[in-house]
């Protein structure tokens, strides 16, 4: 039995190892739904596929939306060559540098899993002009170890099938460090689900909806439709941000340093009152806090705050090494502190909170 503010890493493992690119999030949704059947009051789905878990207060309070996206960056089958190689179509942002020789999984329409390896050239005798050139993701191909297109098609592979990294979740040598695929943004999906579990054990005035959204990596699409379904008064987008604590980085955002409050990204500015409220809770709970200014990229908040009559919104982030690569690394402490912060905000929120946030935006 998981207690209040404890976490279950098996949940995070199941989320990480599920395969789900934009528009193909069904496996992830099944994990979310299975959890929600135990720890939420109601489950709803919108027509794009976002999965919405509801934890009711007294149904007279404000509606809080927690948003985290289920989709991961990956590929689709673009074509199959006569020799049975799979040409790849990137779905989401990839840097070709991280892909050669990586093991990948094709998921067929009937959910068959077919393993292959991203093809690469041996370095022997290559001129520097080729060695030093980063491969464009669209030029990558997958070798599934078959002799022909006919053989590949016999396995059930079709144009448009999903391709994802074949990576297992693991705790590292210090078990607080966690490695796996798709932590962008399954780490936040897991955190939001843990918040919902906490709220199932404690009373709260507000109605809290967790929107596990779709298609964020291909245009922040699912958040738009989820807002129309939920009609929130307050929204917290939950996502990851880039850790900068490796030898090739300027020292900055470290794993294990605690909560990250996003002041702004390229398309969103946090509601100032919401930011201040989170700072107060951080202080009350004796959590550690950092601030993020993400001048490139964005989160579900980019669309949420512009919907309806405008939604009082901010992003809370967790640092991640090696974003948009087959393997990411995160820290348990950041995960746990984020869960504690958002749980406490949801427990405290009432209509006076909404009034405070509106006043901070200049609304009388």
Foldseek 3Di string as FASTA:
>chain_A
DADFLGADVVLLQQLQQFAAAFQRLVSNLVSLVVLLVPQADDWDADPSGKIKGKHAAPVPWFEEEEEAASHAKFWWFADADFQGKTQTHTRFDAWQVQAAQFKKWWQAPVRDTQIWGKHDDDPPPDDPVVVVDRDDSRRIITCRPGGGPVVNVVVRGDGGTTMAGNWGWDQDPPSQKIKGFPVFPSLSVSLVSSLSNNCSVDHARYMYMYIHFGSCRPPLPRLQRVCVVRVGQAYEYEGADAQAPDPVGDHDRDFPQAKEWECEECQDGALPLVVVVLVVLCVVVVTGYDYDYHDDDDTNRNNNQPPDVGHRYTYIYFHWYPGNHRMIMHGNNRSSRVSVSVSVCRRPDGVVSSVSSCVSVVHD
